[in-house]
Amino acid sequence: MSEKDLKTSQDLTVVVQTLLQQMQDKFQTMSDQIIGRNILLHIMSTRIDDLEKNISDLMTQAGVDELEEEIKVSETSGTA
């Protein structure tokens, strides 16, 4: 192998290593973003679940459930 071929091979190796490192860095960045978004989605989901439970509890405390049942009964019986 001549000196020129050796230099070309070394240059090619450097270019390939640089490209692989860039790809790895981009993959890591995307992976971190996905994980971060999944964490945010989980937090938002938990908050929505808590909010739905709180609304349900408030409706029960306010007697809205009973009122809805009374409306349904009176609508079906025709007394409304």
Protein backbone atom coordinates (compact mmCIF):
# COMPACT_ATOMS: atom_id res chain seq x y z
CA MET A 1 0.00 0.00 0.00
CA SER A 2 1.49 3.32 -1.02
CA GLU A 3 1.75 6.35 1.22
CA LYS A 4 -0.95 8.11 -0.80
CA ASP A 5 -3.32 5.15 -0.42
CA LEU A 6 -2.63 5.07 3.30
CA LYS A 7 -3.42 8.79 3.63
CA THR A 8 -6.64 8.36 1.63
CA SER A 9 -7.66 5.41 3.80
CA GLN A 10 -6.97 7.39 6.96
CA ASP A 11 -8.95 10.36 5.62
CA LEU A 12 -11.86 8.10 4.79
CA THR A 13 -11.72 6.57 8.26
CA VAL A 14 -11.84 10.03 9.85
CA VAL A 15 -14.80 11.05 7.69
CA VAL A 16 -16.72 7.87 8.53
CA GLN A 17 -15.98 8.22 12.24
CA THR A 18 -17.11 11.86 12.16
CA LEU A 19 -20.35 10.93 10.40
CA LEU A 20 -21.02 8.12 12.85
CA GLN A 21 -20.42 10.45 15.80
CA GLN A 22 -22.78 13.05 14.31
CA MET A 23 -25.45 10.39 13.78
CA GLN A 24 -25.01 9.14 17.34
CA ASP A 25 -25.31 12.70 18.70
CA LYS A 26 -28.48 13.33 16.68
CA PHE A 27 -29.95 10.01 17.77
CA GLN A 28 -29.20 10.81 21.41
CA THR A 29 -30.81 14.24 21.08
CA MET A 30 -33.94 12.76 19.50
CA SER A 31 -34.07 10.02 22.14
CA ASP A 32 -33.83 12.60 24.93
CA GLN A 33 -36.62 14.64 23.32
CA ILE A 34 -38.88 11.59 23.02
CA ILE A 35 -38.28 10.62 26.63
CA GLY A 36 -38.96 14.19 27.74
CA ARG A 37 -42.21 14.30 25.79
CA ASN A 38 -43.31 10.96 27.21
CA ILE A 39 -42.69 12.25 30.72
CA LEU A 40 -44.74 15.37 29.97
CA LEU A 41 -47.55 13.29 28.48
CA HIS A 42 -47.60 11.10 31.58
CA ILE A 43 -47.75 14.15 33.86
CA MET A 44 -50.55 15.69 31.79
CA SER A 45 -52.47 12.41 31.78
CA THR A 46 -52.20 12.16 35.54
CA ARG A 47 -53.39 15.74 35.96
CA ILE A 48 -56.36 15.15 33.64
CA ASP A 49 -57.30 12.01 35.58
CA ASP A 50 -57.11 13.97 38.84
CA LEU A 51 -59.18 16.77 37.35
CA GLU A 52 -61.87 14.35 36.14
CA LYS A 53 -62.03 12.77 39.59
CA ASN A 54 -62.28 16.17 41.27
CA ILE A 55 -65.07 17.24 38.91
CA SER A 56 -66.92 14.00 39.55
CA ASP A 57 -66.55 14.47 43.31
CA LEU A 58 -67.79 18.06 43.07
CA MET A 59 -70.77 16.99 40.98
CA THR A 60 -71.63 14.35 43.55
CA GLN A 61 -71.27 16.83 46.40
CA ALA A 62 -73.48 19.32 44.56
CA GLY A 63 -76.13 16.69 43.90
CA VAL A 64 -75.77 17.02 40.15
CA ASP A 65 -75.87 13.25 39.72
CA GLU A 66 -79.20 13.07 41.53
CA LEU A 67 -80.54 16.01 39.53
CA GLU A 68 -79.56 14.34 36.25
CA GLU A 69 -81.30 11.14 37.32
CA GLU A 70 -84.46 13.08 38.21
CA ILE A 71 -84.42 14.80 34.81
CA LYS A 72 -83.98 11.47 33.00
CA VAL A 73 -86.83 9.88 34.98
CA SER A 74 -89.18 12.81 34.36
CA GLU A 75 -88.31 12.89 30.64
CA THR A 76 -89.03 9.20 30.21
CA SER A 77 -92.25 9.40 32.19
CA GLY A 78 -93.40 12.48 30.31
CA THR A 79 -93.88 14.66 33.38
CA ALA A 80 -91.30 17.23 32.41
